[in-house]
Amino acid sequence: MSSRNPSLAKLRTDFTAMSTPARISLIVGVVVEVSAKIAAWVDLSRRPAEKVRGPKWAWALAQLINGLGPAAYWSLGRK
């Protein structure tokens, strides 16, 4: 499998070369990021448009910006 996708093999090698605390930190960071995005999308889908600052579609799209999208929505996007 790795011979078909050398970049995936490189990522796997880099990940396994990391120390255990670094791997745990990376995994926790990914879980937090994905959870924040999902929570923001769920909140956007349930919240009426008049209770969101700006267009809902723009906030949904902003969630694709790693780190900044969810933080901006939770701090600025809701009325």
N, C-alpha and C. Protein backbone atom coordinates (compact mmCIF):
# COMPACT_ATOMS: atom_id res chain seq x y z
N MET A 1 0.83 -1.19 0.00
CA MET A 1 0.00 0.00 0.00
C MET A 1 0.87 1.25 0.00
N SER A 2 1.93 1.27 0.81
CA SER A 2 2.77 2.45 0.90
C SER A 2 3.52 2.72 -0.41
N SER A 3 3.74 1.70 -1.24
CA SER A 3 4.42 1.91 -2.51
C SER A 3 3.54 2.70 -3.48
N ARG A 4 2.23 2.64 -3.32
CA ARG A 4 1.33 3.40 -4.19
C ARG A 4 1.23 4.86 -3.77
N ASN A 5 1.46 5.15 -2.49
CA ASN A 5 1.33 6.51 -1.99
C ASN A 5 2.53 6.82 -1.09
N PRO A 6 3.64 7.27 -1.71
CA PRO A 6 4.84 7.50 -0.91
C PRO A 6 4.67 8.60 0.14
N SER A 7 3.81 9.57 -0.11
CA SER A 7 3.62 10.63 0.88
C SER A 7 2.96 10.08 2.15
N LEU A 8 2.06 9.11 2.00
CA LEU A 8 1.43 8.48 3.16
C LEU A 8 2.47 7.69 3.94
N ALA A 9 3.35 7.02 3.25
CA ALA A 9 4.41 6.27 3.92
C ALA A 9 5.33 7.22 4.68
N LYS A 10 5.62 8.37 4.12
CA LYS A 10 6.46 9.37 4.80
C LYS A 10 5.76 9.88 6.05
N LEU A 11 4.46 10.17 5.96
CA LEU A 11 3.71 10.62 7.13
C LEU A 11 3.72 9.57 8.23
N ARG A 12 3.53 8.32 7.84
CA ARG A 12 3.53 7.23 8.82
C ARG A 12 4.90 7.13 9.49
N THR A 13 5.97 7.23 8.70
CA THR A 13 7.32 7.17 9.25
C THR A 13 7.57 8.34 10.20
N ASP A 14 7.16 9.55 9.78
CA ASP A 14 7.34 10.72 10.63
C ASP A 14 6.56 10.59 11.94
N PHE A 15 5.34 10.06 11.85
CA PHE A 15 4.51 9.91 13.05
C PHE A 15 5.13 8.91 14.02
N THR A 16 5.60 7.79 13.50
CA THR A 16 6.18 6.78 14.38
C THR A 16 7.53 7.24 14.95
N ALA A 17 8.19 8.18 14.28
CA ALA A 17 9.47 8.70 14.78
C ALA A 17 9.27 9.70 15.92
N MET A 18 8.04 10.20 16.07
CA MET A 18 7.76 11.16 17.13
C MET A 18 7.79 10.47 18.49
N SER A 19 8.08 11.25 19.53
CA SER A 19 8.04 10.70 20.88
C SER A 19 6.57 10.44 21.26
N THR A 20 6.37 9.60 22.24
CA THR A 20 5.01 9.28 22.68
C THR A 20 4.24 10.51 23.14
N PRO A 21 4.83 11.40 23.96
CA PRO A 21 4.09 12.61 24.35
C PRO A 21 3.72 13.50 23.15
N ALA A 22 4.61 13.57 22.17
CA ALA A 22 4.32 14.36 20.97
C ALA A 22 3.16 13.75 20.18
N ARG A 23 3.16 12.43 20.06
CA ARG A 23 2.06 11.75 19.35
C ARG A 23 0.74 11.96 20.07
N ILE A 24 0.75 11.85 21.39
CA ILE A 24 -0.48 12.06 22.17
C ILE A 24 -0.97 13.49 22.01
N SER A 25 -0.05 14.44 22.06
CA SER A 25 -0.43 15.85 21.88
C SER A 25 -1.04 16.09 20.50
N LEU A 26 -0.46 15.50 19.48
CA LEU A 26 -1.00 15.65 18.13
C LEU A 26 -2.40 15.06 18.02
N ILE A 27 -2.57 13.88 18.55
CA ILE A 27 -3.89 13.22 18.49
C ILE A 27 -4.93 14.03 19.26
N VAL A 28 -4.58 14.52 20.44
CA VAL A 28 -5.51 15.33 21.24
C VAL A 28 -5.87 16.61 20.47
N GLY A 29 -4.88 17.23 19.86
CA GLY A 29 -5.13 18.44 19.08
C GLY A 29 -6.08 18.20 17.92
N VAL A 30 -5.89 17.10 17.23
CA VAL A 30 -6.78 16.77 16.10
C VAL A 30 -8.20 16.52 16.60
N VAL A 31 -8.34 15.79 17.69
CA VAL A 31 -9.66 15.49 18.24
C VAL A 31 -10.36 16.78 18.68
N VAL A 32 -9.63 17.68 19.33
CA VAL A 32 -10.21 18.96 19.77
C VAL A 32 -10.66 19.78 18.55
N GLU A 33 -9.81 19.86 17.54
CA GLU A 33 -10.12 20.64 16.33
C GLU A 33 -11.37 20.09 15.63
N VAL A 34 -11.41 18.79 15.41
CA VAL A 34 -12.55 18.18 14.72
C VAL A 34 -13.81 18.34 15.56
N SER A 35 -13.71 18.18 16.87
CA SER A 35 -14.88 18.35 17.75
C SER A 35 -15.41 19.77 17.70
N ALA A 36 -14.53 20.75 17.69
CA ALA A 36 -14.95 22.15 17.63
C ALA A 36 -15.64 22.45 16.31
N LYS A 37 -15.12 21.91 15.22
CA LYS A 37 -15.75 22.11 13.91
C LYS A 37 -17.15 21.48 13.86
N ILE A 38 -17.25 20.26 14.33
CA ILE A 38 -18.54 19.57 14.31
C ILE A 38 -19.54 20.30 15.19
N ALA A 39 -19.11 20.70 16.37
CA ALA A 39 -20.00 21.43 17.28
C ALA A 39 -20.46 22.74 16.65
N ALA A 40 -19.57 23.44 15.97
CA ALA A 40 -19.95 24.70 15.32
C ALA A 40 -20.95 24.44 14.19
N TRP A 41 -20.71 23.42 13.39
CA TRP A 41 -21.65 23.11 12.31
C TRP A 41 -23.01 22.70 12.86
N VAL A 42 -23.04 21.92 13.92
CA VAL A 42 -24.32 21.52 14.53
C VAL A 42 -25.03 22.76 15.07
N ASP A 43 -24.30 23.62 15.78
CA ASP A 43 -24.90 24.83 16.32
C ASP A 43 -25.43 25.73 15.19
N LEU A 44 -24.67 25.85 14.12
CA LEU A 44 -25.13 26.66 12.98
C LEU A 44 -26.40 26.09 12.36
N SER A 45 -26.49 24.79 12.28
CA SER A 45 -27.66 24.18 11.65
C SER A 45 -28.91 24.36 12.51
N ARG A 46 -28.74 24.45 13.81
CA ARG A 46 -29.89 24.56 14.73
C ARG A 46 -30.24 26.00 15.09
N ARG A 47 -29.28 26.91 15.01
CA ARG A 47 -29.48 28.30 15.43
C ARG A 47 -30.19 29.08 14.33
N PRO A 48 -31.23 29.85 14.67
CA PRO A 48 -31.90 30.68 13.67
C PRO A 48 -30.94 31.72 13.08
N ALA A 49 -31.13 32.06 11.81
CA ALA A 49 -30.24 32.98 11.11
C ALA A 49 -30.14 34.33 11.81
N GLU A 50 -31.23 34.77 12.43
CA GLU A 50 -31.20 36.08 13.10
C GLU A 50 -30.35 36.08 14.37
N LYS A 51 -29.94 34.90 14.82
CA LYS A 51 -29.09 34.82 16.00
C LYS A 51 -27.63 34.52 15.64
N VAL A 52 -27.30 34.74 14.37
CA VAL A 52 -25.93 34.55 13.89
C VAL A 52 -25.49 35.85 13.24
N ARG A 53 -24.29 36.30 13.59
CA ARG A 53 -23.74 37.52 12.97
C ARG A 53 -23.22 37.16 11.59
N GLY A 54 -23.83 37.70 10.56
CA GLY A 54 -23.41 37.40 9.19
C GLY A 54 -24.14 36.20 8.64
N PRO A 55 -23.85 35.86 7.39
CA PRO A 55 -24.52 34.71 6.76
C PRO A 55 -24.04 33.38 7.32
N LYS A 56 -24.99 32.50 7.55
CA LYS A 56 -24.66 31.19 8.11
C LYS A 56 -23.72 30.41 7.19
N TRP A 57 -23.91 30.53 5.88
CA TRP A 57 -23.06 29.79 4.94
C TRP A 57 -21.59 30.23 5.08
N ALA A 58 -21.37 31.51 5.35
CA ALA A 58 -20.00 32.00 5.50
C ALA A 58 -19.35 31.42 6.76
N TRP A 59 -20.12 31.33 7.84
CA TRP A 59 -19.58 30.74 9.07
C TRP A 59 -19.33 29.24 8.88
N ALA A 60 -20.22 28.58 8.14
CA ALA A 60 -20.01 27.15 7.88
C ALA A 60 -18.73 26.94 7.07
N LEU A 61 -18.52 27.80 6.09
CA LEU A 61 -17.31 27.71 5.27
C LEU A 61 -16.07 28.07 6.09
N ALA A 62 -16.20 29.02 7.00
CA ALA A 62 -15.07 29.44 7.83
C ALA A 62 -14.56 28.31 8.72
N GLN A 63 -15.39 27.32 8.99
CA GLN A 63 -14.96 26.21 9.83
C GLN A 63 -13.85 25.40 9.18
N LEU A 64 -13.66 25.57 7.89
CA LEU A 64 -12.61 24.85 7.19
C LEU A 64 -11.22 25.45 7.45
N ILE A 65 -11.18 26.63 8.04
CA ILE A 65 -9.91 27.26 8.39
C ILE A 65 -9.47 26.67 9.74
N ASN A 66 -8.42 25.90 9.71
CA ASN A 66 -7.98 25.21 10.93
C ASN A 66 -7.67 26.18 12.05
N GLY A 67 -8.22 25.88 13.21
CA GLY A 67 -7.97 26.67 14.41
C GLY A 67 -8.77 27.94 14.47
N LEU A 68 -8.70 28.75 13.45
CA LEU A 68 -9.37 30.05 13.47
C LEU A 68 -10.87 29.97 13.25
N GLY A 69 -11.32 29.11 12.38
CA GLY A 69 -12.75 29.03 12.06
C GLY A 69 -13.62 28.75 13.27
N PRO A 70 -13.39 27.66 13.98
CA PRO A 70 -14.20 27.36 15.16
C PRO A 70 -14.06 28.43 16.25
N ALA A 71 -12.85 28.89 16.48
CA ALA A 71 -12.65 29.90 17.52
C ALA A 71 -13.38 31.20 17.18
N ALA A 72 -13.34 31.60 15.92
CA ALA A 72 -14.02 32.83 15.50
C ALA A 72 -15.53 32.69 15.64
N TYR A 73 -16.05 31.53 15.25
CA TYR A 73 -17.50 31.35 15.35
C TYR A 73 -17.95 31.40 16.80
N TRP A 74 -17.26 30.66 17.68
CA TRP A 74 -17.68 30.60 19.08
C TRP A 74 -17.52 31.94 19.79
N SER A 75 -16.54 32.74 19.37
CA SER A 75 -16.33 34.03 20.05
C SER A 75 -17.04 35.20 19.38
N LEU A 76 -17.22 35.15 18.05
CA LEU A 76 -17.78 36.30 17.34
C LEU A 76 -19.07 36.02 16.56
N GLY A 77 -19.27 34.81 16.16
CA GLY A 77 -20.36 34.50 15.23
C GLY A 77 -21.76 34.44 15.80
N ARG A 78 -21.88 34.19 17.08
CA ARG A 78 -23.21 34.04 17.67
C ARG A 78 -23.63 35.32 18.36
N LYS A 79 -24.90 35.63 18.27
CA LYS A 79 -25.44 36.82 18.97
C LYS A 79 -25.90 36.44 20.36
